[in-house]
């Protein structure tokens, strides 16, 4: 054995390499970094503190979509830079609203969007819908029309498939129930007038507002939309139930059958 051989052998490192350093690929956002005393790197902590301060001082209007999305992701990914994941989500879905509205399975397709991220986004979506819904439930709809439109846009404007909802009103036009009647495909949803009338009788509703979305973003009604609305209105008339309107919700605007003379 050579007497000095030990002095020429490379020593083992005292510490494991830091993720993201040379020779080690940085993990995707959504996977946890090894904890160092349960503390995040100072540059990440500083960035998060700055974003939170800007939000509290200027509100959401002062922030671009990716920064608002970062704020949402902070809770799901406690000790990592989430900006790359926020940008990937926006690149994949287009804008903040479409990220929140995306189905869980589609969200999970984005690299780094693990179960904690998907859950946090769905919680925020549910909170937004519940807040908007609270402004119209058990109130006279015809005097809260703007709030109703806001709720419909929040709940449906950014869906990737068609959804058909029925708003059931009492004799004072107070909203007593808001129910999803059917879901369909990107350009079609099956609607059954008999089921709508059966439910209206169960609720002792005196009037209805029909609502569905167009995932294309264009609320222009199809001939099938017009024919289906006429069938529901005819069935409702037989039962002594008024159909106040049928709203088609597009991405940035809505169309009212009543305003267009289609009902």
Protein backbone atom coordinates (compact mmCIF):
# COMPACT_ATOMS: atom_id res chain seq x y z
CA UNK A 1 0.00 0.00 0.00
CA UNK A 2 1.35 3.41 -0.88
CA UNK A 3 1.88 5.36 2.36
CA UNK A 4 0.53 8.70 1.05
CA UNK A 5 -2.44 7.39 -0.92
CA UNK A 6 -5.01 8.69 1.61
CA UNK A 7 -3.89 12.29 1.03
CA UNK A 8 -4.83 12.03 -2.71
CA UNK A 9 -8.39 10.73 -2.20
CA UNK A 10 -11.19 13.26 -2.54
CA UNK A 11 -12.97 13.72 0.82
CA UNK A 12 -16.71 13.15 1.09
CA UNK A 13 -18.73 16.40 1.40
CA UNK A 14 -19.75 17.40 4.91
CA UNK A 15 -23.17 18.61 3.72
CA UNK A 16 -25.60 17.40 1.05
CA UNK A 17 -25.71 19.66 -2.05
CA UNK A 18 -28.32 22.43 -1.96
CA UNK A 19 -31.10 21.85 -4.51
CA UNK A 20 -30.62 24.15 -7.48
CA UNK A 21 -26.83 24.36 -7.06
CA UNK A 22 -24.38 23.19 -9.71
CA UNK A 23 -24.86 19.57 -10.58
CA UNK A 24 -28.28 19.38 -8.95
CA UNK A 25 -31.52 20.14 -10.81
CA UNK A 26 -33.90 22.47 -8.97
CA UNK A 27 -37.23 20.80 -8.13
CA UNK A 28 -40.44 21.98 -9.70
CA UNK A 29 -42.66 24.27 -7.69
CA UNK A 30 -45.09 22.10 -5.80
CA UNK A 31 -42.44 19.76 -4.35
CA UNK A 32 -41.03 20.49 -0.93
CA UNK A 33 -37.47 21.63 -0.39
CA UNK A 34 -35.49 19.93 2.39
CA UNK A 35 -36.14 21.99 5.51
CA UNK A 36 -33.22 23.89 7.01
CA UNK A 37 -34.44 24.36 10.53
CA UNK A 38 -37.92 24.84 9.01
CA UNK A 39 -36.88 28.18 7.50
CA UNK A 40 -37.20 29.31 3.88
CA UNK A 41 -34.34 31.14 2.11
CA UNK A 42 -34.32 34.85 2.99
CA UNK A 43 -34.83 36.02 -0.61
CA UNK A 44 -38.07 34.01 -0.84
CA UNK A 45 -39.27 35.29 2.54
CA UNK A 46 -38.51 38.88 1.49
CA UNK A 47 -40.31 38.46 -1.84
CA UNK A 48 -43.39 37.05 -0.11
CA UNK A 49 -43.40 39.86 2.43
CA UNK A 50 -43.22 42.48 -0.34
CA UNK A 51 -46.10 40.90 -2.28
CA UNK A 52 -48.26 40.69 0.82
CA UNK A 53 -47.54 44.34 1.68
CA UNK A 54 -48.43 45.48 -1.85
CA UNK A 55 -51.67 43.51 -1.72
CA UNK A 56 -52.68 44.99 1.64
CA UNK A 57 -51.84 48.53 0.53
CA UNK A 58 -53.18 48.50 -3.03
CA UNK A 59 -55.47 45.47 -3.25
CA UNK A 60 -55.74 43.02 -6.12
CA UNK A 61 -56.16 45.80 -8.71
CA UNK A 62 -52.53 46.79 -8.18
CA UNK A 63 -51.22 43.30 -9.00
CA UNK A 64 -50.86 41.38 -12.27
CA UNK A 65 -52.40 37.93 -12.50
CA UNK A 66 -49.17 36.02 -11.82
CA UNK A 67 -48.54 37.89 -8.56
CA UNK A 68 -52.09 37.38 -7.33
CA UNK A 69 -51.72 33.70 -8.17
CA UNK A 70 -48.44 33.62 -6.23
CA UNK A 71 -50.27 34.88 -3.15
CA UNK A 72 -52.74 32.00 -3.47
CA UNK A 73 -49.91 29.47 -3.90
CA UNK A 74 -47.95 30.64 -0.84
CA UNK A 75 -50.10 28.53 1.51
CA UNK A 76 -49.88 25.41 -0.65
CA UNK A 77 -46.09 25.62 -1.07
CA UNK A 78 -44.67 27.11 2.14
CA UNK A 79 -40.91 27.23 1.47
CA UNK A 80 -40.31 27.62 -2.24
CA UNK A 81 -40.36 30.18 -5.03
CA UNK A 82 -43.81 29.77 -6.62
CA UNK A 83 -43.43 32.33 -9.41
CA UNK A 84 -42.43 29.70 -12.04
CA UNK A 85 -45.50 27.61 -11.21
CA UNK A 86 -47.77 30.66 -11.31
CA UNK A 87 -46.49 31.50 -14.80
CA UNK A 88 -46.88 27.89 -15.99
CA UNK A 89 -50.49 27.83 -14.81
CA UNK A 90 -51.27 31.12 -16.56
CA UNK A 91 -49.52 30.01 -19.76
CA UNK A 92 -51.56 26.78 -19.70
CA UNK A 93 -55.01 28.24 -18.94
CA UNK A 94 -54.78 31.86 -20.09
CA UNK A 95 -55.75 34.01 -17.09
CA UNK A 96 -56.34 33.98 -13.34
CA UNK A 97 -60.05 33.19 -13.57
CA UNK A 98 -59.54 30.24 -15.89
CA UNK A 99 -56.87 28.83 -13.56
CA UNK A 100 -59.30 28.89 -10.63
CA UNK A 101 -62.12 27.44 -12.73
CA UNK A 102 -60.11 24.62 -14.29
CA UNK A 103 -61.11 21.05 -13.33
CA UNK A 104 -58.74 19.39 -10.82
CA UNK A 105 -57.59 16.82 -13.37
CA UNK A 106 -56.58 19.58 -15.82
CA UNK A 107 -54.76 21.50 -13.10
CA UNK A 108 -52.80 18.38 -12.19
CA UNK A 109 -51.48 18.22 -15.77
CA UNK A 110 -49.30 21.27 -15.07
CA UNK A 111 -45.84 20.38 -13.78
CA UNK A 112 -45.57 21.23 -10.09
CA UNK A 113 -49.32 21.44 -9.43
CA UNK A 114 -49.63 18.74 -6.80
CA UNK A 115 -52.65 17.92 -4.63
CA UNK A 116 -51.98 20.79 -2.19
CA UNK A 117 -51.92 23.32 -5.04
CA UNK A 118 -55.09 21.95 -6.63
CA UNK A 119 -56.89 22.00 -3.28
CA UNK A 120 -55.87 25.60 -2.54
CA UNK A 121 -57.08 26.80 -5.95
CA UNK A 122 -60.41 25.01 -5.54
CA UNK A 123 -60.86 26.53 -2.06
CA UNK A 124 -60.37 30.03 -3.46
CA UNK A 125 -62.81 29.30 -6.32
CA UNK A 126 -65.43 28.00 -3.86
CA UNK A 127 -65.00 31.06 -1.63
CA UNK A 128 -65.46 33.43 -4.57
CA UNK A 129 -68.61 31.63 -5.70
CA UNK A 130 -70.07 31.52 -2.21
CA UNK A 131 -69.46 35.24 -1.69
CA UNK A 132 -71.09 36.13 -5.03
CA UNK A 133 -74.00 33.76 -4.33
CA UNK A 134 -74.65 35.28 -0.90
CA UNK A 135 -75.39 38.61 -2.59
CA UNK A 136 -78.34 37.19 -4.52
CA UNK A 137 -79.80 34.32 -2.50
CA UNK A 138 -83.06 35.09 -0.66
CA UNK A 139 -83.23 38.57 -2.19
CA UNK A 140 -85.54 40.02 -4.85
CA UNK A 141 -83.70 39.15 -8.04
CA UNK A 142 -85.20 41.80 -10.28
CA UNK A 143 -83.89 44.57 -7.99
CA UNK A 144 -80.47 42.89 -7.62
CA UNK A 145 -79.87 42.24 -11.31
CA UNK A 146 -76.25 43.42 -11.41
CA UNK A 147 -75.38 41.20 -8.44
CA UNK A 148 -77.07 38.28 -10.19
CA UNK A 149 -75.02 38.84 -13.35
CA UNK A 150 -71.84 39.06 -11.28
CA UNK A 151 -72.69 35.75 -9.64
CA UNK A 152 -73.43 34.05 -12.96
CA UNK A 153 -70.14 35.24 -14.42
CA UNK A 154 -68.20 34.14 -11.33
CA UNK A 155 -69.78 30.68 -11.37
CA UNK A 156 -69.89 29.96 -15.10
CA UNK A 157 -68.01 32.33 -17.41
CA UNK A 158 -64.72 30.41 -17.43
CA UNK A 159 -65.99 26.84 -17.47
CA UNK A 160 -64.56 24.54 -20.13
CA UNK A 161 -67.86 22.68 -20.64
CA UNK A 162 -71.45 23.89 -20.92
CA UNK A 163 -73.45 24.04 -17.72
CA UNK A 164 -77.19 24.71 -17.41
CA UNK A 165 -78.57 26.25 -14.21
CA UNK A 166 -82.08 27.14 -13.15
CA UNK A 167 -82.80 29.95 -10.69
CA UNK A 168 -86.13 29.34 -8.94
CA UNK A 169 -88.04 32.38 -7.62
CA UNK A 170 -91.03 32.71 -5.30
CA UNK A 171 -94.07 34.91 -5.97
CA UNK A 172 -92.14 37.98 -4.76
CA UNK A 173 -89.29 37.16 -7.18
CA UNK A 174 -87.00 36.25 -4.29
CA UNK A 175 -84.40 33.67 -5.28
CA UNK A 176 -85.20 30.52 -3.31
CA UNK A 177 -82.96 28.00 -5.11
CA UNK A 178 -80.08 27.98 -7.58
CA UNK A 179 -79.50 24.53 -9.01
CA UNK A 180 -77.36 22.97 -11.70
CA UNK A 181 -79.70 21.08 -13.98
CA UNK A 182 -77.13 19.55 -16.33
CA UNK A 183 -73.56 19.53 -17.61
CA UNK A 184 -72.59 18.76 -21.15
CA UNK A 185 -69.69 19.11 -23.57
CA UNK A 186 -67.84 22.11 -24.94
CA UNK A 187 -70.79 23.02 -27.17
CA UNK A 188 -73.87 21.14 -25.96
CA UNK A 189 -75.75 20.47 -22.74
CA UNK A 190 -78.83 18.20 -22.43
CA UNK A 191 -81.84 19.98 -20.91
CA UNK A 192 -85.11 18.30 -19.87
CA UNK A 193 -88.10 20.66 -19.45
CA UNK A 194 -90.01 17.97 -17.51
CA UNK A 195 -87.31 17.84 -14.82
CA UNK A 196 -87.25 21.64 -14.53
CA UNK A 197 -91.03 21.75 -14.06
CA UNK A 198 -90.99 18.88 -11.56
CA UNK A 199 -88.41 20.70 -9.44
CA UNK A 200 -90.28 24.01 -9.72
CA UNK A 201 -93.41 22.34 -8.32
CA UNK A 202 -91.42 20.77 -5.47
CA UNK A 203 -90.11 24.23 -4.52
CA UNK A 204 -93.50 25.90 -5.14
CA UNK A 205 -91.63 28.33 -7.40
CA UNK A 206 -93.60 30.99 -9.24
CA UNK A 207 -90.93 31.99 -11.75
CA UNK A 208 -87.67 30.83 -13.33
CA UNK A 209 -84.51 32.32 -14.77
CA UNK A 210 -82.57 29.98 -17.04
CA UNK A 211 -78.79 30.37 -17.25
CA UNK A 212 -76.14 28.57 -19.24
CA UNK A 213 -72.63 29.33 -20.43
CA UNK A 214 -70.85 29.17 -23.77
CA UNK A 215 -67.24 27.97 -23.25
CA UNK A 216 -66.32 29.55 -26.61
CA UNK A 217 -66.81 32.93 -24.95
CA UNK A 218 -69.41 34.09 -27.48
CA UNK A 219 -72.90 34.29 -25.89
CA UNK A 220 -74.75 34.36 -29.21
CA UNK A 221 -77.58 31.80 -28.94
CA UNK A 222 -77.73 28.82 -31.27
CA UNK A 223 -80.96 27.68 -32.87
CA UNK A 224 -80.96 24.79 -30.40
CA UNK A 225 -80.76 27.30 -27.52
CA UNK A 226 -83.75 29.20 -28.91
CA UNK A 227 -85.84 26.05 -29.49
CA UNK A 228 -85.06 24.63 -26.06
CA UNK A 229 -86.01 27.92 -24.38
CA UNK A 230 -89.33 27.97 -26.23
CA UNK A 231 -90.12 24.41 -25.04
CA UNK A 232 -89.37 25.29 -21.41
CA UNK A 233 -91.44 28.49 -21.62
CA UNK A 234 -94.38 26.57 -23.10
CA UNK A 235 -94.21 23.93 -20.36
CA UNK A 236 -93.95 26.63 -17.68
CA UNK A 237 -96.96 28.50 -19.06
CA UNK A 238 -99.10 25.38 -18.71
CA UNK A 239 -98.06 25.17 -15.04
CA UNK A 240 -98.65 28.87 -14.40
CA UNK A 241 -94.93 29.54 -13.93
CA UNK A 242 -93.24 32.57 -15.51
CA UNK A 243 -89.88 32.39 -17.27
CA UNK A 244 -88.36 35.81 -16.65
CA UNK A 245 -85.27 35.35 -18.79
CA UNK A 246 -82.68 33.05 -20.24
CA UNK A 247 -79.11 34.31 -19.79
CA UNK A 248 -76.21 33.01 -21.86
CA UNK A 249 -72.93 33.75 -20.11
CA UNK A 250 -69.90 34.43 -22.29
CA UNK A 251 -66.36 35.13 -21.19
CA UNK A 252 -66.71 38.89 -20.90
CA UNK A 253 -70.40 39.59 -21.54
CA UNK A 254 -73.80 37.98 -21.33
CA UNK A 255 -76.87 37.84 -23.59
CA UNK A 256 -80.44 38.18 -22.30
CA UNK A 257 -83.19 36.47 -24.27
CA UNK A 258 -85.68 38.97 -22.84
CA UNK A 259 -83.61 41.97 -23.99
CA UNK A 260 -83.10 40.44 -27.43
CA UNK A 261 -86.82 39.78 -27.90
CA UNK A 262 -86.33 36.01 -27.93
CA UNK A 263 -88.58 35.39 -24.94
